């Protein structure tokens, strides 16, 4: 019965699981935190430099975060192929949770 929703399970739990699975992928939270802290759109290269990851990883994570509507991509100029990425309002709603998580890990100091 793999892949089929369990009729006894609350669908909300499945949605939360999907979000947590995305956020725990390599560099996802890091990218969101950077965009949240900068509070402005950043180019791909600026994000890549700050997360210290391969172009492939950053590109995949950005695409996935866009699918979850946590990040948006816009062209810098109409004639340009360069894009900027920014955290969405929906993504900003996760800000207190992300900061609390980072604060908790910092206080724990044993990982």
PDB file of N, CA and C in Angstrom:
ATOM      1  N   UNK A   1       0.829  -1.195   0.000  1.00  0.00           N
ATOM      2  CA  UNK A   1       0.000   0.000   0.000  1.00  0.00           C
ATOM      3  C   UNK A   1       0.867   1.250   0.000  1.00  0.00           C
ATOM      4  N   UNK A   2       2.099   1.093  -0.343  1.00  0.00           N
ATOM      5  CA  UNK A   2       3.046   2.205  -0.374  1.00  0.00           C
ATOM      6  C   UNK A   2       2.622   3.247  -1.405  1.00  0.00           C
ATOM      7  N   UNK A   3       2.751   4.512  -1.053  1.00  0.00           N
ATOM      8  CA  UNK A   3       2.416   5.601  -1.953  1.00  0.00           C
ATOM      9  C   UNK A   3       0.972   6.054  -1.883  1.00  0.00           C
ATOM     10  N   UNK A   4       0.118   5.242  -1.294  1.00  0.00           N
ATOM     11  CA  UNK A   4      -1.287   5.622  -1.159  1.00  0.00           C
ATOM     12  C   UNK A   4      -1.511   6.249   0.209  1.00  0.00           C
ATOM     13  N   UNK A   5      -2.324   7.319   0.260  1.00  0.00           N
ATOM     14  CA  UNK A   5      -2.575   7.946   1.559  1.00  0.00           C
ATOM     15  C   UNK A   5      -3.309   6.994   2.493  1.00  0.00           C
ATOM     16  N   UNK A   6      -2.956   7.041   3.734  1.00  0.00           N
ATOM     17  CA  UNK A   6      -3.610   6.238   4.760  1.00  0.00           C
ATOM     18  C   UNK A   6      -4.904   6.949   5.153  1.00  0.00           C
ATOM     19  N   UNK A   7      -6.062   6.301   4.973  1.00  0.00           N
ATOM     20  CA  UNK A   7      -7.335   6.970   5.287  1.00  0.00           C
ATOM     21  C   UNK A   7      -7.496   7.282   6.778  1.00  0.00           C
ATOM     22  N   UNK A   8      -6.702   6.640   7.624  1.00  0.00           N
ATOM     23  CA  UNK A   8      -6.789   6.879   9.064  1.00  0.00           C
ATOM     24  C   UNK A   8      -5.875   8.014   9.534  1.00  0.00           C
ATOM     25  N   UNK A   9      -5.045   8.510   8.642  1.00  0.00           N
ATOM     26  CA  UNK A   9      -4.075   9.552   9.004  1.00  0.00           C
ATOM     27  C   UNK A   9      -4.610  10.928   8.599  1.00  0.00           C
ATOM     28  N   UNK A  10      -4.486  11.885   9.479  1.00  0.00           N
ATOM     29  CA  UNK A  10      -4.898  13.261   9.195  1.00  0.00           C
ATOM     30  C   UNK A  10      -4.059  13.800   8.033  1.00  0.00           C
ATOM     31  N   UNK A  11      -4.690  14.289   6.944  1.00  0.00           N
ATOM     32  CA  UNK A  11      -3.940  14.795   5.789  1.00  0.00           C
ATOM     33  C   UNK A  11      -2.998  15.947   6.149  1.00  0.00           C
ATOM     34  N   UNK A  12      -3.313  16.687   7.189  1.00  0.00           N
ATOM     35  CA  UNK A  12      -2.442  17.777   7.613  1.00  0.00           C
ATOM     36  C   UNK A  12      -1.065  17.247   7.997  1.00  0.00           C
ATOM     37  N   UNK A  13      -1.017  16.079   8.635  1.00  0.00           N
ATOM     38  CA  UNK A  13       0.267  15.490   9.020  1.00  0.00           C
ATOM     39  C   UNK A  13       1.123  15.198   7.792  1.00  0.00           C
ATOM     40  N   UNK A  14       0.491  14.742   6.733  1.00  0.00           N
ATOM     41  CA  UNK A  14       1.215  14.478   5.494  1.00  0.00           C
ATOM     42  C   UNK A  14       1.802  15.744   4.904  1.00  0.00           C
ATOM     43  N   UNK A  15       1.050  16.832   4.965  1.00  0.00           N
ATOM     44  CA  UNK A  15       1.544  18.113   4.448  1.00  0.00           C
ATOM     45  C   UNK A  15       2.698  18.627   5.293  1.00  0.00           C
ATOM     46  N   UNK A  16       2.583  18.477   6.619  1.00  0.00           N
ATOM     47  CA  UNK A  16       3.670  18.893   7.515  1.00  0.00           C
ATOM     48  C   UNK A  16       4.907  18.047   7.239  1.00  0.00           C
ATOM     49  N   UNK A  17       4.717  16.741   7.075  1.00  0.00           N
ATOM     50  CA  UNK A  17       5.841  15.858   6.759  1.00  0.00           C
ATOM     51  C   UNK A  17       6.536  16.289   5.472  1.00  0.00           C
ATOM     52  N   UNK A  18       5.755  16.633   4.441  1.00  0.00           N
ATOM     53  CA  UNK A  18       6.329  17.057   3.161  1.00  0.00           C
ATOM     54  C   UNK A  18       7.146  18.336   3.330  1.00  0.00           C
ATOM     55  N   UNK A  19       6.628  19.285   4.095  1.00  0.00           N
ATOM     56  CA  UNK A  19       7.358  20.531   4.334  1.00  0.00           C
ATOM     57  C   UNK A  19       8.641  20.266   5.115  1.00  0.00           C
ATOM     58  N   UNK A  20       8.554  19.465   6.165  1.00  0.00           N
ATOM     59  CA  UNK A  20       9.749  19.158   6.958  1.00  0.00           C
ATOM     60  C   UNK A  20      10.783  18.402   6.140  1.00  0.00           C
ATOM     61  N   UNK A  21      10.321  17.515   5.283  1.00  0.00           N
ATOM     62  CA  UNK A  21      11.254  16.792   4.409  1.00  0.00           C
ATOM     63  C   UNK A  21      12.003  17.777   3.517  1.00  0.00           C
ATOM     64  N   UNK A  22      11.291  18.765   2.986  1.00  0.00           N
ATOM     65  CA  UNK A  22      11.936  19.769   2.138  1.00  0.00           C
ATOM     66  C   UNK A  22      12.913  20.625   2.937  1.00  0.00           C
ATOM     67  N   UNK A  23      12.487  21.093   4.088  1.00  0.00           N
ATOM     68  CA  UNK A  23      13.332  21.988   4.883  1.00  0.00           C
ATOM     69  C   UNK A  23      14.581  21.299   5.415  1.00  0.00           C
ATOM     70  N   UNK A  24      14.536  19.974   5.550  1.00  0.00           N
ATOM     71  CA  UNK A  24      15.708  19.266   6.063  1.00  0.00           C
ATOM     72  C   UNK A  24      16.650  18.810   4.956  1.00  0.00           C
ATOM     73  N   UNK A  25      16.310  19.087   3.714  1.00  0.00           N
ATOM     74  CA  UNK A  25      17.250  18.799   2.628  1.00  0.00           C
ATOM     75  C   UNK A  25      18.433  19.756   2.738  1.00  0.00           C
ATOM     76  N   UNK A  26      19.573  19.281   2.303  1.00  0.00           N
ATOM     77  CA  UNK A  26      20.808  20.052   2.381  1.00  0.00           C
ATOM     78  C   UNK A  26      20.630  21.474   1.845  1.00  0.00           C
ATOM     79  N   UNK A  27      20.912  22.435   2.686  1.00  0.00           N
ATOM     80  CA  UNK A  27      20.950  23.875   2.377  1.00  0.00           C
ATOM     81  C   UNK A  27      19.591  24.559   2.273  1.00  0.00           C
ATOM     82  N   UNK A  28      18.478  23.840   2.382  1.00  0.00           N
ATOM     83  CA  UNK A  28      17.162  24.487   2.275  1.00  0.00           C
ATOM     84  C   UNK A  28      16.949  25.544   3.353  1.00  0.00           C
ATOM     85  N   UNK A  29      17.121  25.159   4.611  1.00  0.00           N
ATOM     86  CA  UNK A  29      16.937  26.125   5.705  1.00  0.00           C
ATOM     87  C   UNK A  29      17.958  27.247   5.619  1.00  0.00           C
ATOM     88  N   UNK A  30      19.168  26.909   5.244  1.00  0.00           N
ATOM     89  CA  UNK A  30      20.224  27.914   5.128  1.00  0.00           C
ATOM     90  C   UNK A  30      19.831  28.976   4.099  1.00  0.00           C
ATOM     91  N   UNK A  31      19.341  28.536   2.951  1.00  0.00           N
ATOM     92  CA  UNK A  31      18.906  29.477   1.909  1.00  0.00           C
ATOM     93  C   UNK A  31      17.764  30.354   2.421  1.00  0.00           C
ATOM     94  N   UNK A  32      16.781  29.747   3.061  1.00  0.00           N
ATOM     95  CA  UNK A  32      15.657  30.533   3.595  1.00  0.00           C
ATOM     96  C   UNK A  32      16.123  31.542   4.637  1.00  0.00           C
ATOM     97  N   UNK A  33      17.017  31.130   5.519  1.00  0.00           N
ATOM     98  CA  UNK A  33      17.520  32.042   6.555  1.00  0.00           C
ATOM     99  C   UNK A  33      18.262  33.221   5.933  1.00  0.00           C
ATOM    100  N   UNK A  34      19.073  32.959   4.930  1.00  0.00           N
ATOM    101  CA  UNK A  34      19.812  34.037   4.266  1.00  0.00           C
ATOM    102  C   UNK A  34      18.843  35.028   3.629  1.00  0.00           C
ATOM    103  N   UNK A  35      17.868  34.517   2.895  1.00  0.00           N
ATOM    104  CA  UNK A  35      16.902  35.408   2.246  1.00  0.00           C
ATOM    105  C   UNK A  35      16.071  36.168   3.270  1.00  0.00           C
ATOM    106  N   UNK A  36      15.754  35.525   4.375  1.00  0.00           N
ATOM    107  CA  UNK A  36      14.988  36.181   5.437  1.00  0.00           C
ATOM    108  C   UNK A  36      15.818  37.272   6.106  1.00  0.00           C
ATOM    109  N   UNK A  37      17.058  36.974   6.431  1.00  0.00           N
ATOM    110  CA  UNK A  37      17.908  37.944   7.127  1.00  0.00           C
ATOM    111  C   UNK A  37      18.277  39.124   6.242  1.00  0.00           C
ATOM    112  N   UNK A  38      18.524  38.872   4.957  1.00  0.00           N
ATOM    113  CA  UNK A  38      18.872  39.969   4.044  1.00  0.00           C
ATOM    114  C   UNK A  38      17.659  40.842   3.754  1.00  0.00           C
ATOM    115  N   UNK A  39      16.476  40.241   3.799  1.00  0.00           N
ATOM    116  CA  UNK A  39      15.229  40.969   3.573  1.00  0.00           C
ATOM    117  C   UNK A  39      15.220  41.713   2.242  1.00  0.00           C
ATOM    118  N   UNK A  40      15.870  41.110   1.263  1.00  0.00           N
ATOM    119  CA  UNK A  40      15.867  41.644  -0.101  1.00  0.00           C
ATOM    120  C   UNK A  40      16.191  40.502  -1.053  1.00  0.00           C
ATOM    121  N   UNK A  41      15.917  40.722  -2.318  1.00  0.00           N
ATOM    122  CA  UNK A  41      16.210  39.700  -3.318  1.00  0.00           C
ATOM    123  C   UNK A  41      17.716  39.582  -3.527  1.00  0.00           C
ATOM    124  N   UNK A  42      18.166  38.359  -3.784  1.00  0.00           N
ATOM    125  CA  UNK A  42      19.579  38.089  -4.041  1.00  0.00           C
ATOM    126  C   UNK A  42      19.715  37.323  -5.350  1.00  0.00           C
ATOM    127  N   UNK A  43      20.823  37.561  -6.036  1.00  0.00           N
ATOM    128  CA  UNK A  43      21.121  36.791  -7.236  1.00  0.00           C
ATOM    129  C   UNK A  43      21.599  35.400  -6.839  1.00  0.00           C
ATOM    130  N   UNK A  44      21.522  34.484  -7.790  1.00  0.00           N
ATOM    131  CA  UNK A  44      21.943  33.107  -7.559  1.00  0.00           C
ATOM    132  C   UNK A  44      23.361  33.057  -6.998  1.00  0.00           C
ATOM    133  N   UNK A  45      24.269  33.801  -7.616  1.00  0.00           N
ATOM    134  CA  UNK A  45      25.675  33.769  -7.182  1.00  0.00           C
ATOM    135  C   UNK A  45      25.841  34.262  -5.746  1.00  0.00           C
ATOM    136  N   UNK A  46      25.036  35.236  -5.339  1.00  0.00           N
ATOM    137  CA  UNK A  46      25.109  35.730  -3.960  1.00  0.00           C
ATOM    138  C   UNK A  46      24.650  34.658  -2.969  1.00  0.00           C
ATOM    139  N   UNK A  47      23.614  33.944  -3.338  1.00  0.00           N
ATOM    140  CA  UNK A  47      23.124  32.868  -2.471  1.00  0.00           C
ATOM    141  C   UNK A  47      24.158  31.752  -2.412  1.00  0.00           C
ATOM    142  N   UNK A  48      24.668  31.361  -3.566  1.00  0.00           N
ATOM    143  CA  UNK A  48      25.651  30.271  -3.634  1.00  0.00           C
ATOM    144  C   UNK A  48      26.871  30.582  -2.782  1.00  0.00           C
ATOM    145  N   UNK A  49      27.366  31.800  -2.854  1.00  0.00           N
ATOM    146  CA  UNK A  49      28.536  32.194  -2.053  1.00  0.00           C
ATOM    147  C   UNK A  49      28.260  32.098  -0.558  1.00  0.00           C
ATOM    148  N   UNK A  50      27.047  32.405  -0.153  1.00  0.00           N
ATOM    149  CA  UNK A  50      26.719  32.428   1.280  1.00  0.00           C
ATOM    150  C   UNK A  50      26.434  31.041   1.862  1.00  0.00           C
ATOM    151  N   UNK A  51      26.002  30.105   1.030  1.00  0.00           N
ATOM    152  CA  UNK A  51      25.685  28.774   1.560  1.00  0.00           C
ATOM    153  C   UNK A  51      26.808  27.771   1.356  1.00  0.00           C
ATOM    154  N   UNK A  52      27.830  28.142   0.598  1.00  0.00           N
ATOM    155  CA  UNK A  52      28.981  27.269   0.388  1.00  0.00           C
ATOM    156  C   UNK A  52      28.536  25.888  -0.085  1.00  0.00           C
ATOM    157  N   UNK A  53      27.851  25.878  -1.224  1.00  0.00           N
ATOM    158  CA  UNK A  53      27.373  24.625  -1.813  1.00  0.00           C
ATOM    159  C   UNK A  53      27.578  24.680  -3.322  1.00  0.00           C
ATOM    160  N   UNK A  54      27.446  23.542  -3.955  1.00  0.00           N
ATOM    161  CA  UNK A  54      27.601  23.486  -5.408  1.00  0.00           C
ATOM    162  C   UNK A  54      26.437  24.208  -6.090  1.00  0.00           C
ATOM    163  N   UNK A  55      26.673  24.611  -7.323  1.00  0.00           N
ATOM    164  CA  UNK A  55      25.613  25.254  -8.111  1.00  0.00           C
ATOM    165  C   UNK A  55      24.415  24.326  -8.263  1.00  0.00           C
ATOM    166  N   UNK A  56      24.688  23.042  -8.444  1.00  0.00           N
ATOM    167  CA  UNK A  56      23.611  22.065  -8.599  1.00  0.00           C
ATOM    168  C   UNK A  56      22.729  22.016  -7.360  1.00  0.00           C
ATOM    169  N   UNK A  57      23.351  21.951  -6.186  1.00  0.00           N
ATOM    170  CA  UNK A  57      22.582  21.885  -4.938  1.00  0.00           C
ATOM    171  C   UNK A  57      21.749  23.144  -4.749  1.00  0.00           C
ATOM    172  N   UNK A  58      22.356  24.300  -4.938  1.00  0.00           N
ATOM    173  CA  UNK A  58      21.631  25.563  -4.750  1.00  0.00           C
ATOM    174  C   UNK A  58      20.485  25.668  -5.754  1.00  0.00           C
ATOM    175  N   UNK A  59      20.742  25.305  -6.997  1.00  0.00           N
ATOM    176  CA  UNK A  59      19.709  25.362  -8.026  1.00  0.00           C
ATOM    177  C   UNK A  59      18.537  24.444  -7.691  1.00  0.00           C
ATOM    178  N   UNK A  60      18.832  23.229  -7.259  1.00  0.00           N
ATOM    179  CA  UNK A  60      17.764  22.292  -6.889  1.00  0.00           C
ATOM    180  C   UNK A  60      16.951  22.811  -5.706  1.00  0.00           C
ATOM    181  N   UNK A  61      17.649  23.269  -4.681  1.00  0.00           N
ATOM    182  CA  UNK A  61      16.934  23.750  -3.488  1.00  0.00           C
ATOM    183  C   UNK A  61      16.072  24.947  -3.825  1.00  0.00           C
ATOM    184  N   UNK A  62      16.599  25.888  -4.603  1.00  0.00           N
ATOM    185  CA  UNK A  62      15.794  27.057  -4.970  1.00  0.00           C
ATOM    186  C   UNK A  62      14.547  26.625  -5.738  1.00  0.00           C
ATOM    187  N   UNK A  63      14.708  25.715  -6.683  1.00  0.00           N
ATOM    188  CA  UNK A  63      13.558  25.221  -7.442  1.00  0.00           C
ATOM    189  C   UNK A  63      12.514  24.578  -6.545  1.00  0.00           C
ATOM    190  N   UNK A  64      12.979  23.785  -5.591  1.00  0.00           N
ATOM    191  CA  UNK A  64      12.061  23.123  -4.665  1.00  0.00           C
ATOM    192  C   UNK A  64      11.374  24.131  -3.747  1.00  0.00           C
ATOM    193  N   UNK A  65      12.127  25.110  -3.269  1.00  0.00           N
ATOM    194  CA  UNK A  65      11.545  26.131  -2.393  1.00  0.00           C
ATOM    195  C   UNK A  65      10.538  26.993  -3.148  1.00  0.00           C
ATOM    196  N   UNK A  66      10.771  27.190  -4.440  1.00  0.00           N
ATOM    197  CA  UNK A  66       9.805  27.900  -5.283  1.00  0.00           C
ATOM    198  C   UNK A  66       8.522  27.072  -5.400  1.00  0.00           C
ATOM    199  N   UNK A  67       8.665  25.758  -5.603  1.00  0.00           N
ATOM    200  CA  UNK A  67       7.487  24.884  -5.689  1.00  0.00           C
ATOM    201  C   UNK A  67       6.659  24.933  -4.408  1.00  0.00           C
ATOM    202  N   UNK A  68       7.318  25.066  -3.266  1.00  0.00           N
ATOM    203  CA  UNK A  68       6.617  25.152  -1.984  1.00  0.00           C
ATOM    204  C   UNK A  68       6.126  26.572  -1.697  1.00  0.00           C
ATOM    205  N   UNK A  69       6.365  27.495  -2.632  1.00  0.00           N
ATOM    206  CA  UNK A  69       5.958  28.901  -2.525  1.00  0.00           C
ATOM    207  C   UNK A  69       6.614  29.610  -1.343  1.00  0.00           C
ATOM    208  N   UNK A  70       7.814  29.164  -0.979  1.00  0.00           N
ATOM    209  CA  UNK A  70       8.572  29.806   0.091  1.00  0.00           C
ATOM    210  C   UNK A  70       9.548  30.832  -0.471  1.00  0.00           C
ATOM    211  N   UNK A  71       9.903  30.678  -1.746  1.00  0.00           N
ATOM    212  CA  UNK A  71      10.825  31.577  -2.444  1.00  0.00           C
ATOM    213  C   UNK A  71      10.207  31.913  -3.790  1.00  0.00           C
ATOM    214  N   UNK A  72      10.479  33.134  -4.262  1.00  0.00           N
ATOM    215  CA  UNK A  72      10.025  33.525  -5.597  1.00  0.00           C
ATOM    216  C   UNK A  72      11.215  33.974  -6.427  1.00  0.00           C
ATOM    217  N   UNK A  73      11.109  33.757  -7.726  1.00  0.00           N
ATOM    218  CA  UNK A  73      12.178  34.111  -8.664  1.00  0.00           C
ATOM    219  C   UNK A  73      11.640  35.165  -9.621  1.00  0.00           C
ATOM    220  N   UNK A  74      12.398  36.254  -9.794  1.00  0.00           N
ATOM    221  CA  UNK A  74      11.997  37.311 -10.724  1.00  0.00           C
ATOM    222  C   UNK A  74      13.195  37.724 -11.569  1.00  0.00           C
ATOM    223  N   UNK A  75      12.899  38.154 -12.808  1.00  0.00           N
ATOM    224  CA  UNK A  75      13.954  38.671 -13.678  1.00  0.00           C
ATOM    225  C   UNK A  75      14.414  40.020 -13.158  1.00  0.00           C
ATOM    226  N   UNK A  76      15.721  40.241 -13.215  1.00  0.00           N
ATOM    227  CA  UNK A  76      16.245  41.533 -12.762  1.00  0.00           C
ATOM    228  C   UNK A  76      15.824  42.646 -13.722  1.00  0.00           C
ATOM    229  N   UNK A  77      15.966  42.374 -15.018  1.00  0.00           N
ATOM    230  CA  UNK A  77      15.534  43.313 -16.057  1.00  0.00           C
ATOM    231  C   UNK A  77      14.920  42.494 -17.185  1.00  0.00           C
ATOM    232  N   UNK A  78      14.014  43.065 -17.897  1.00  0.00           N
ATOM    233  CA  UNK A  78      13.308  42.330 -18.956  1.00  0.00           C
ATOM    234  C   UNK A  78      14.270  41.740 -19.982  1.00  0.00           C
ATOM    235  N   UNK A  79      15.288  42.480 -20.369  1.00  0.00           N
ATOM    236  CA  UNK A  79      16.210  42.011 -21.405  1.00  0.00           C
ATOM    237  C   UNK A  79      17.308  41.103 -20.847  1.00  0.00           C
ATOM    238  N   UNK A  80      17.333  40.920 -19.565  1.00  0.00           N
ATOM    239  CA  UNK A  80      18.386  40.143 -18.906  1.00  0.00           C
ATOM    240  C   UNK A  80      17.963  38.698 -18.683  1.00  0.00           C
ATOM    241  N   UNK A  81      18.961  37.819 -18.630  1.00  0.00           N
ATOM    242  CA  UNK A  81      18.702  36.424 -18.268  1.00  0.00           C
ATOM    243  C   UNK A  81      18.944  36.199 -16.782  1.00  0.00           C
ATOM    244  N   UNK A  82      19.367  37.240 -16.093  1.00  0.00           N
ATOM    245  CA  UNK A  82      19.682  37.140 -14.670  1.00  0.00           C
ATOM    246  C   UNK A  82      18.410  37.261 -13.836  1.00  0.00           C
ATOM    247  N   UNK A  83      18.326  36.411 -12.825  1.00  0.00           N
ATOM    248  CA  UNK A  83      17.170  36.408 -11.931  1.00  0.00           C
ATOM    249  C   UNK A  83      17.600  36.700 -10.503  1.00  0.00           C
ATOM    250  N   UNK A  84      16.624  37.134  -9.733  1.00  0.00           N
ATOM    251  CA  UNK A  84      16.820  37.317  -8.293  1.00  0.00           C
ATOM    252  C   UNK A  84      15.833  36.416  -7.565  1.00  0.00           C
ATOM    253  N   UNK A  85      16.207  36.073  -6.351  1.00  0.00           N
ATOM    254  CA  UNK A  85      15.380  35.202  -5.521  1.00  0.00           C
ATOM    255  C   UNK A  85      15.087  35.918  -4.213  1.00  0.00           C
ATOM    256  N   UNK A  86      13.841  35.808  -3.768  1.00  0.00           N
ATOM    257  CA  UNK A  86      13.435  36.452  -2.512  1.00  0.00           C
ATOM    258  C   UNK A  86      12.501  35.522  -1.755  1.00  0.00           C
ATOM    259  N   UNK A  87      12.512  35.663  -0.453  1.00  0.00           N
ATOM    260  CA  UNK A  87      11.581  34.895   0.374  1.00  0.00           C
ATOM    261  C   UNK A  87      10.184  35.485   0.177  1.00  0.00           C
ATOM    262  N   UNK A  88       9.186  34.642   0.092  1.00  0.00           N
ATOM    263  CA  UNK A  88       7.807  35.103  -0.095  1.00  0.00           C
ATOM    264  C   UNK A  88       7.193  35.455   1.261  1.00  0.00           C
ATOM    265  N   UNK A  89       6.025  36.061   1.218  1.00  0.00           N
ATOM    266  CA  UNK A  89       5.302  36.342   2.465  1.00  0.00           C
ATOM    267  C   UNK A  89       5.003  35.042   3.205  1.00  0.00           C
ATOM    268  N   UNK A  90       4.652  34.019   2.445  1.00  0.00           N
ATOM    269  CA  UNK A  90       4.398  32.695   3.014  1.00  0.00           C
ATOM    270  C   UNK A  90       5.667  32.174   3.700  1.00  0.00           C
ATOM    271  N   UNK A  91       6.809  32.351   3.041  1.00  0.00           N
ATOM    272  CA  UNK A  91       8.084  31.934   3.627  1.00  0.00           C
ATOM    273  C   UNK A  91       8.430  32.730   4.874  1.00  0.00           C
ATOM    274  N   UNK A  92       8.101  34.017   4.861  1.00  0.00           N
ATOM    275  CA  UNK A  92       8.380  34.868   6.028  1.00  0.00           C
ATOM    276  C   UNK A  92       7.594  34.427   7.259  1.00  0.00           C
ATOM    277  N   UNK A  93       6.461  33.781   7.035  1.00  0.00           N
ATOM    278  CA  UNK A  93       5.682  33.284   8.171  1.00  0.00           C
ATOM    279  C   UNK A  93       6.437  32.195   8.929  1.00  0.00           C
ATOM    280  N   UNK A  94       7.385  31.550   8.269  1.00  0.00           N
ATOM    281  CA  UNK A  94       8.216  30.533   8.927  1.00  0.00           C
ATOM    282  C   UNK A  94       9.378  31.149   9.704  1.00  0.00           C
ATOM    283  N   UNK A  95       9.616  32.437   9.526  1.00  0.00           N
ATOM    284  CA  UNK A  95      10.769  33.100  10.135  1.00  0.00           C
ATOM    285  C   UNK A  95      10.884  32.875  11.640  1.00  0.00           C
ATOM    286  N   UNK A  96       9.832  33.100  12.429  1.00  0.00           N
ATOM    287  CA  UNK A  96       9.978  32.888  13.874  1.00  0.00           C
ATOM    288  C   UNK A  96      10.316  31.439  14.222  1.00  0.00           C
ATOM    289  N   UNK A  97       9.782  30.508  13.448  1.00  0.00           N
ATOM    290  CA  UNK A  97      10.062  29.092  13.693  1.00  0.00           C
ATOM    291  C   UNK A  97      11.518  28.784  13.363  1.00  0.00           C
ATOM    292  N   UNK A  98      11.993  29.291  12.219  1.00  0.00           N
ATOM    293  CA  UNK A  98      13.390  29.054  11.829  1.00  0.00           C
ATOM    294  C   UNK A  98      14.345  29.649  12.849  1.00  0.00           C
ATOM    295  N   UNK A  99      14.084  30.881  13.262  1.00  0.00           N
ATOM    296  CA  UNK A  99      14.965  31.537  14.232  1.00  0.00           C
ATOM    297  C   UNK A  99      14.943  30.807  15.574  1.00  0.00           C
ATOM    298  N   UNK A 100      13.766  30.366  15.999  1.00  0.00           N
ATOM    299  CA  UNK A 100      13.674  29.616  17.251  1.00  0.00           C
ATOM    300  C   UNK A 100      14.459  28.310  17.155  1.00  0.00           C
ATOM    301  N   UNK A 101      14.395  27.667  16.019  1.00  0.00           N
ATOM    302  CA  UNK A 101      15.133  26.422  15.816  1.00  0.00           C
ATOM    303  C   UNK A 101      16.640  26.672  15.894  1.00  0.00           C
ATOM    304  N   UNK A 102      17.125  27.686  15.190  1.00  0.00           N
ATOM    305  CA  UNK A 102      18.551  28.024  15.230  1.00  0.00           C
ATOM    306  C   UNK A 102      18.972  28.433  16.639  1.00  0.00           C
ATOM    307  N   UNK A 103      18.147  29.212  17.319  1.00  0.00           N
ATOM    308  CA  UNK A 103      18.459  29.623  18.699  1.00  0.00           C
ATOM    309  C   UNK A 103      18.541  28.414  19.620  1.00  0.00           C
ATOM    310  N   UNK A 104      17.626  27.476  19.453  1.00  0.00           N
ATOM    311  CA  UNK A 104      17.617  26.277  20.282  1.00  0.00           C
ATOM    312  C   UNK A 104      18.900  25.476  20.074  1.00  0.00           C
ATOM    313  N   UNK A 105      19.302  25.306  18.810  1.00  0.00           N
ATOM    314  CA  UNK A 105      20.530  24.563  18.508  1.00  0.00           C
ATOM    315  C   UNK A 105      21.738  25.289  19.085  1.00  0.00           C
ATOM    316  N   UNK A 106      21.756  26.615  18.967  1.00  0.00           N
ATOM    317  CA  UNK A 106      22.876  27.393  19.502  1.00  0.00           C
ATOM    318  C   UNK A 106      22.969  27.241  21.022  1.00  0.00           C
ATOM    319  N   UNK A 107      21.845  27.270  21.712  1.00  0.00           N
ATOM    320  CA  UNK A 107      21.835  27.116  23.174  1.00  0.00           C
ATOM    321  C   UNK A 107      22.202  25.702  23.590  1.00  0.00           C
ATOM    322  N   UNK A 108      21.778  24.731  22.820  1.00  0.00           N
ATOM    323  CA  UNK A 108      22.057  23.326  23.133  1.00  0.00           C
ATOM    324  C   UNK A 108      23.564  23.079  23.090  1.00  0.00           C
ATOM    325  N   UNK A 109      24.220  23.608  22.075  1.00  0.00           N
ATOM    326  CA  UNK A 109      25.684  23.639  21.961  1.00  0.00           C
ATOM    327  C   UNK A 109      26.356  22.276  22.098  1.00  0.00           C
ATOM    328  N   UNK A 110      25.623  21.188  21.879  1.00  0.00           N
ATOM    329  CA  UNK A 110      26.259  19.876  21.986  1.00  0.00           C
ATOM    330  C   UNK A 110      26.152  19.063  20.696  1.00  0.00           C
ATOM    331  N   UNK A 111      25.741  19.697  19.618  1.00  0.00           N
ATOM    332  CA  UNK A 111      25.648  18.989  18.333  1.00  0.00           C
ATOM    333  C   UNK A 111      26.923  19.167  17.561  1.00  0.00           C
TER     334      UNK A 111
END
